[in-house]
Protein backbone atom coordinates (compact mmCIF):
# COMPACT_ATOMS: atom_id res chain seq x y z
CA MET A 1 -0.60 16.07 -21.03
CA THR A 2 -4.10 17.14 -19.87
CA SER A 3 -5.69 16.68 -16.47
CA THR A 4 -7.98 14.04 -17.93
CA SER A 5 -5.30 12.02 -19.67
CA PRO A 6 -4.87 8.35 -18.68
CA LEU A 7 -1.32 9.14 -17.52
CA GLN A 8 -2.49 11.95 -15.25
CA SER A 9 -5.31 9.86 -13.80
CA LEU A 10 -2.89 7.06 -13.03
CA VAL A 11 -0.20 9.15 -11.34
CA ASP A 12 -2.83 11.06 -9.36
CA ALA A 13 -3.96 7.75 -7.87
CA GLN A 14 -0.36 6.68 -7.15
CA TYR A 15 1.05 9.78 -5.43
CA GLY A 16 2.78 10.97 -8.57
CA LEU A 17 4.33 7.59 -9.42
CA ILE A 18 4.23 5.27 -12.40
CA THR A 19 5.90 1.98 -13.26
CA ALA A 20 7.76 1.05 -16.41
CA ALA A 21 5.07 -1.55 -17.17
CA GLN A 22 2.36 1.08 -16.88
CA VAL A 23 4.31 3.45 -19.13
CA CYS A 24 4.47 0.70 -21.74
CA ALA A 25 0.76 -0.08 -21.35
CA LEU A 26 -0.07 3.59 -21.99
CA GLY A 27 1.84 3.44 -25.25
CA ILE A 28 4.62 5.80 -24.20
CA PRO A 29 7.88 4.79 -25.91
CA LYS A 30 10.77 3.81 -23.65
CA SER A 31 12.89 6.47 -25.34
CA GLN A 32 10.40 9.16 -24.33
CA ALA A 33 10.34 7.96 -20.71
CA ARG A 34 14.15 7.90 -20.66
CA HIS A 35 14.26 11.46 -22.07
CA ARG A 36 11.94 12.73 -19.33
CA VAL A 37 14.26 11.26 -16.71
CA GLU A 38 17.37 12.68 -18.38
CA CYS A 39 15.97 16.18 -18.59
CA GLY A 40 14.78 16.15 -14.98
CA ARG A 41 11.02 16.06 -15.56
CA TRP A 42 10.80 12.54 -14.12
CA GLN A 43 12.89 10.76 -11.49
CA ARG A 44 13.90 7.13 -11.26
CA VAL A 45 12.80 6.22 -7.73
CA LEU A 46 13.38 2.45 -7.74
CA ARG A 47 14.04 -0.08 -10.45
CA GLY A 48 11.08 0.26 -12.83
CA VAL A 49 9.36 2.95 -10.74
CA TYR A 50 9.34 6.65 -11.70
CA ALA A 51 8.11 9.86 -10.09
CA VAL A 52 6.65 12.34 -12.58
CA THR A 53 7.83 15.25 -10.43
CA SER A 54 11.25 16.50 -9.33
CA GLY A 55 12.55 16.86 -5.78
CA ARG A 56 11.57 15.03 -2.61
CA LEU A 57 8.75 12.51 -2.23
CA THR A 58 6.03 12.53 0.41
CA ARG A 59 5.93 9.64 2.89
CA ASP A 60 2.86 8.26 1.12
CA ALA A 61 4.79 8.31 -2.16
CA VAL A 62 7.77 6.54 -0.58
CA LEU A 63 5.51 3.73 0.68
CA SER A 64 3.61 3.57 -2.60
CA ALA A 65 6.85 3.30 -4.59
CA ALA A 66 7.90 0.27 -2.56
CA LEU A 67 4.53 -1.41 -3.14
CA LEU A 68 4.59 -0.64 -6.86
CA TYR A 69 8.07 -2.11 -7.06
CA GLY A 70 6.97 -5.27 -5.21
CA GLY A 71 4.02 -5.87 -7.54
CA ASP A 72 0.26 -6.34 -7.23
CA ALA A 73 0.41 -8.74 -4.27
CA ALA A 74 3.01 -6.79 -2.26
CA LEU A 75 2.25 -5.87 1.35
CA LEU A 76 3.94 -3.45 3.70
CA SER A 77 5.37 -5.62 6.47
CA HIS A 78 7.68 -5.80 9.48
CA ARG A 79 8.69 -2.40 10.90
CA THR A 80 7.03 -0.51 8.05
CA ALA A 81 3.67 -2.18 8.66
CA ALA A 82 4.12 -1.49 12.38
CA GLU A 83 4.65 2.19 11.54
CA VAL A 84 1.48 2.33 9.42
CA TRP A 85 -0.51 0.54 12.13
CA GLY A 86 0.76 3.10 14.65
CA MET A 87 2.55 0.46 16.74
CA ILE A 88 6.01 2.04 16.58
CA ARG A 89 7.75 5.12 15.27
CA THR A 90 10.29 4.66 12.53
CA ASP A 91 13.01 6.82 11.06
CA ASP A 92 12.21 8.13 7.58
CA THR A 93 15.72 7.08 6.55
CA ALA A 94 15.00 3.40 7.34
CA PRO A 95 14.32 1.12 4.33
CA ILE A 96 10.75 0.16 3.51
CA HIS A 97 9.86 -3.48 4.23
CA VAL A 98 7.54 -5.31 1.85
CA THR A 99 6.50 -8.95 1.69
CA VAL A 100 5.81 -10.62 -1.65
CA PRO A 101 4.73 -14.18 -2.54
CA TYR A 102 7.31 -16.86 -3.18
CA GLY A 103 8.20 -16.95 -6.84
CA LYS A 104 8.35 -13.19 -7.29
CA SER A 105 11.64 -11.95 -8.71
CA ALA A 106 11.72 -8.65 -6.79
CA LEU A 107 15.03 -8.08 -4.97
CA SER A 108 15.85 -5.66 -2.19
CA GLN A 109 16.69 -2.18 -3.50
CA PRO A 110 19.34 0.27 -2.26
CA VAL A 111 18.84 3.91 -1.35
CA SER A 112 18.21 6.24 -4.31
CA TYR A 113 19.19 9.90 -4.44
CA ILE A 114 17.83 13.03 -6.08
CA GLN A 115 19.78 13.49 -9.30
CA SER A 116 20.60 16.49 -11.45
CA PRO A 117 19.17 16.31 -14.98
CA VAL A 118 21.68 15.04 -17.53
CA HIS A 119 21.06 17.96 -19.86
CA GLY A 120 20.75 20.57 -17.11
CA SER A 121 17.36 21.69 -18.43
CA ALA A 122 15.57 21.75 -15.07
CA VAL A 123 16.14 23.05 -11.56
CA VAL A 124 15.73 20.12 -9.16
CA PRO A 125 15.41 20.95 -5.43
CA GLY A 126 17.40 18.91 -2.94
CA VAL A 127 19.89 17.46 -5.40
CA GLY A 128 22.06 14.85 -3.66
CA GLY A 129 19.51 14.21 -0.93
CA VAL A 130 17.79 10.87 -0.33
CA LEU A 131 14.93 10.29 -2.74
CA HIS A 132 13.91 6.84 -1.46
CA PRO A 133 15.40 4.94 1.52
CA GLY A 134 15.38 1.63 -0.33
CA VAL A 135 13.35 -1.56 -0.04
CA VAL A 136 13.86 -4.76 1.95
CA VAL A 137 12.00 -7.62 0.26
CA HIS A 138 10.67 -10.58 2.27
CA ARG A 139 8.89 -13.62 0.85
CA SER A 140 5.99 -15.59 2.29
CA ARG A 141 4.24 -18.79 1.31
CA ALA A 142 1.15 -17.59 3.19
CA GLN A 143 0.77 -14.30 1.34
CA ARG A 144 -2.98 -14.71 0.87
CA HIS A 145 -3.57 -15.08 4.60
CA ILE A 146 -1.30 -12.47 6.20
CA GLY A 147 -2.62 -9.27 4.62
CA VAL A 148 -5.53 -6.91 5.15
CA GLU A 149 -7.30 -4.97 2.41
CA LEU A 150 -6.54 -1.47 3.59
CA VAL A 151 -4.77 1.49 2.01
CA PRO A 152 -1.87 0.98 1.95
CA PRO A 153 -2.04 -2.86 1.98
CA ARG A 154 -0.16 -4.35 4.92
CA THR A 155 0.23 -7.45 7.06
CA THR A 156 -2.28 -8.05 9.86
CA ARG A 157 -1.58 -6.60 13.30
CA ALA A 158 -0.72 -10.01 14.76
CA ASP A 159 1.54 -10.95 11.83
CA THR A 160 3.22 -7.57 12.05
CA ALA A 161 3.95 -7.97 15.76
CA LEU A 162 5.48 -11.40 15.16
CA ASP A 163 7.53 -10.23 12.17
CA VAL A 164 8.95 -7.30 14.14
CA ALA A 165 9.88 -9.64 17.01
CA ILE A 166 11.53 -12.22 14.76
CA GLU A 167 13.69 -9.52 13.17
CA GLN A 168 15.28 -8.62 16.53
CA PRO A 169 19.00 -9.42 16.98
CA THR A 170 18.56 -11.59 20.10
CA ALA A 171 15.96 -13.89 21.62
CA ARG A 172 15.67 -11.62 24.65
CA GLU A 173 14.90 -8.61 22.46
CA ALA A 174 12.38 -10.65 20.48
CA TYR A 175 10.67 -11.60 23.76
CA VAL A 176 10.48 -7.97 24.89
CA SER A 177 9.43 -6.77 21.43
CA LEU A 178 6.42 -9.08 21.23
CA ILE A 179 5.22 -8.17 24.73
CA SER A 180 5.70 -4.47 24.06
CA THR A 181 3.92 -4.48 20.71
CA VAL A 182 1.01 -6.65 21.80
CA THR A 183 0.36 -4.64 24.97
CA ASN A 184 0.89 -1.16 23.50
CA ALA A 185 -1.15 -1.84 20.35
CA ARG A 186 -3.84 -3.83 22.20
CA ILE A 187 -3.52 -6.81 19.86
CA ARG A 188 -5.73 -9.76 20.76
CA LEU A 189 -3.62 -12.53 22.24
CA ALA A 190 -5.85 -15.11 20.57
CA ASP A 191 -4.85 -13.67 17.17
CA VAL A 192 -1.15 -13.92 18.03
CA ARG A 193 -1.56 -17.53 19.16
CA THR A 194 -3.45 -18.43 15.99
CA ARG A 195 -0.80 -16.88 13.77
CA MET A 196 1.99 -18.67 15.66
CA GLU A 197 0.20 -21.99 15.12
CA GLU A 198 -0.40 -21.29 11.44
CA ARG A 199 3.04 -19.75 10.80
CA THR A 200 5.32 -21.48 13.28
CA PRO A 201 8.25 -19.09 13.79
CA ARG A 202 11.57 -20.62 12.76
CA ARG A 203 13.51 -18.14 14.86
CA TYR A 204 13.19 -17.45 18.60
CA ARG A 205 10.28 -19.87 18.90
CA ARG A 206 10.82 -20.61 22.59
CA ALA A 207 11.26 -16.94 23.47
CA LEU A 208 8.07 -15.98 21.65
CA GLU A 209 6.12 -18.82 23.28
CA SER A 210 7.37 -17.62 26.68
CA ALA A 211 6.21 -14.10 25.84
CA VAL A 212 2.75 -15.41 24.96
CA ARG A 213 2.56 -17.32 28.26
CA LEU A 214 3.43 -14.18 30.21
CA LEU A 215 0.78 -12.22 28.30
CA ALA A 216 -1.72 -14.99 29.03
CA ASP A 217 -0.97 -14.60 32.74
CA GLY A 218 -2.47 -11.12 32.56
CA VAL A 219 0.43 -8.80 31.76
CA GLN A 220 -1.13 -5.85 29.93
CA SER A 221 1.64 -3.26 29.73
CA MET A 222 5.41 -2.89 29.66
CA LEU A 223 5.28 -1.73 33.28
CA GLU A 224 3.56 -4.97 34.28
CA TYR A 225 6.08 -6.92 32.20
CA ARG A 226 9.01 -5.22 33.95
CA TYR A 227 7.49 -5.95 37.33
CA ALA A 228 6.86 -9.63 36.51
CA VAL A 229 10.33 -10.24 35.06
CA ASP A 230 12.70 -7.81 36.83
CA VAL A 231 11.04 -7.81 40.24
CA GLU A 232 9.25 -11.14 40.73
CA GLN A 233 11.14 -13.61 38.54
CA ALA A 234 14.61 -12.11 39.05
CA HIS A 235 14.24 -12.09 42.83
CA GLY A 236 12.43 -15.38 43.40
CA LEU A 237 9.18 -13.77 44.53
CA PRO A 238 5.94 -15.68 44.05
CA GLY A 239 4.05 -15.07 40.82
CA ALA A 240 1.00 -12.99 41.58
CA ASN A 241 -2.51 -13.09 40.19
CA ARG A 242 -2.82 -10.27 37.63
CA GLN A 243 -5.82 -8.22 36.66
CA GLY A 244 -7.99 -9.91 39.25
CA PRO A 245 -11.53 -8.44 39.51
CA VAL A 246 -12.65 -6.47 42.55
CA ILE A 247 -16.06 -4.87 43.10
CA VAL A 248 -15.92 -1.17 44.12
CA ASP A 249 -19.07 0.97 44.31
CA GLY A 250 -20.92 -1.66 42.30
CA ARG A 251 -18.35 -1.55 39.48
CA THR A 252 -15.88 -4.27 38.53
CA LEU A 253 -12.32 -2.95 38.67
CA TYR A 254 -9.09 -4.88 38.33
CA GLU A 255 -6.06 -5.14 40.58
CA ASP A 256 -2.67 -5.11 38.81
CA VAL A 257 -0.93 -7.52 41.19
CA ASP A 258 -2.60 -9.57 43.93
CA TYR A 259 -0.71 -12.06 46.14
CA GLY A 260 -3.88 -13.35 47.81
CA GLU A 261 -3.58 -16.82 46.26
CA HIS A 262 -0.33 -17.27 48.23
CA GLY A 263 -2.12 -16.58 51.49
CA VAL A 264 -0.79 -13.01 51.63
CA PRO A 265 -3.33 -10.15 51.35
CA LEU A 266 -0.93 -7.83 49.50
CA ILE A 267 -1.99 -5.65 46.58
CA VAL A 268 0.63 -3.98 44.35
CA ARG A 269 -0.54 -1.13 42.13
CA LEU A 270 1.49 -0.31 39.01
CA ASP A 271 0.89 3.34 38.27
CA GLY A 272 1.45 4.20 34.60
CA ARG A 273 1.91 7.97 34.27
CA TRP A 274 -0.30 8.59 31.24
CA SER A 275 -3.38 6.59 32.14
CA HIS A 276 -3.28 7.42 35.82
CA SER A 277 -3.08 11.17 35.14
CA MET A 278 -6.64 11.14 33.78
CA ARG A 279 -9.19 12.54 36.24
CA GLU A 280 -11.58 9.60 35.94
CA VAL A 281 -8.78 7.09 36.52
CA GLN A 282 -7.47 9.05 39.50
CA PHE A 283 -10.92 8.91 41.07
CA ARG A 284 -11.15 5.17 40.34
CA ASP A 285 -7.75 4.55 41.94
CA ARG A 286 -8.69 6.49 45.07
CA ARG A 287 -11.85 4.46 45.45
CA ARG A 288 -9.84 1.29 44.94
CA ASP A 289 -7.34 2.42 47.61
CA ASN A 290 -10.14 3.13 50.06
CA ALA A 291 -11.75 -0.25 49.37
CA ALA A 292 -8.42 -2.00 50.06
CA GLU A 293 -7.98 -0.08 53.32
CA LEU A 294 -11.50 -0.95 54.46
CA ALA A 295 -10.76 -4.61 53.68
CA ASP A 296 -7.53 -4.37 55.72
CA LEU A 297 -5.39 -5.20 52.68
CA PRO A 298 -1.79 -3.91 52.65
CA ARG A 299 -0.84 -2.27 49.36
CA LEU A 300 2.23 -0.86 47.63
CA VAL A 301 2.30 1.49 44.63
CA TYR A 302 5.10 1.78 42.05
CA GLY A 303 5.60 3.72 38.85
CA PHE A 304 7.60 2.87 35.75
CA ASP A 305 10.79 4.64 36.93
CA GLU A 306 10.93 2.71 40.20
CA VAL A 307 10.30 -0.66 38.59
CA SER A 308 12.67 -0.13 35.66
CA LEU A 309 15.48 1.74 37.47
CA THR A 310 15.40 0.21 40.96
CA PRO A 311 13.84 -3.27 40.66
CA CYS A 312 15.98 -4.63 43.51
CA LEU A 313 14.67 -1.98 45.91
CA VAL A 314 11.10 -2.66 44.80
CA ALA A 315 11.64 -6.40 45.29
CA LYS A 316 13.04 -5.82 48.79
CA GLU A 317 10.02 -3.75 49.81
CA VAL A 318 7.56 -6.25 48.37
CA GLU A 319 9.36 -9.12 50.11
CA THR A 320 9.30 -7.23 53.41
CA VAL A 321 5.50 -7.03 53.31
CA LEU A 322 5.15 -10.62 52.06
CA ARG A 323 7.27 -11.91 54.96
CA ARG A 324 5.42 -9.73 57.45
CA GLU A 325 2.16 -11.25 56.28
CA GLY A 326 3.44 -14.82 56.56
CA TRP A 327 5.09 -15.74 53.27
CA VAL A 328 8.16 -18.01 53.64
CA ARG A 329 10.98 -17.89 51.09
CA LEU A 330 12.19 -21.26 49.86
CA THR A 331 14.77 -20.15 47.26
CA ASN A 332 17.57 -17.59 46.95
CA GLY A 333 16.21 -14.12 46.29
CA ARG A 334 19.28 -12.24 45.12
CA CYS A 335 19.67 -11.37 41.47
CA ARG A 336 22.96 -10.34 39.84
CA ALA A 337 22.10 -6.67 40.16
CA CYS A 338 21.50 -7.00 43.92
CA ALA A 339 25.20 -7.60 44.49
């Protein structure tokens, strides 16, 4: 086999992989392909997919093997697409998710392991270890519309966020998943709404619609989500205006939480560690603080730990200022955790 052979050109483009159909198209007899597997020169990665090397596969090869198995129209999807998009981190031992069109015969594949050659004619590193974590196959009637032409091919960012949410074990986790993915990956809410209209989710529909409404209200991070749900909603506090514009030094900045529409001039700042550690953002926040002080606006500042670990304490402090400034509670404000 030379470096210019059709076989070499093909496997070079496919991370060292080749399918049984491609082997046949190249005129290589099935018996020869089987012999190369038996003697350890090739490895059977998935049904009908071979690696022309021994030992472990790269991550690119693992993803490519799943796509080759799924066929020409296969797309990386669900948690695997989210990994490739950089939305979440996944464990290399987790199965690869692919979506194929309805009518395709591809079935989910189990984990495969590095095997010793039958004839013992080769030394294979990592024998017994995981070769490929397996494939989970999904089917879609909208295959033409949910993918993007990138390498590797995958579902769109909005479709990926929805698929990851729908795969969650509970409606609550689906709700949190969609908010987290959309805010962390900066996915356009309009795209998510469009995909939900075009591909109405059969599972957790109400939870996902609630998540979209909360995002539409201005929630832009998990910290803001925690504050809205665990502090405001859980304790019967009024829903604030979020990301309202304020002019400081001729620039338009945005307040995280503003209760001005309820007749209370209270500003709540939600201080995310990473973004607020940047020098430019620190300067911006100081100028914003000074502008609020000059306008005689009371303000409170909370970080992620306070909001997530002690939401009842945060709610009590916010309510104290709201009441001091004239807000009147009309409903019970104790959540289960308060007791």
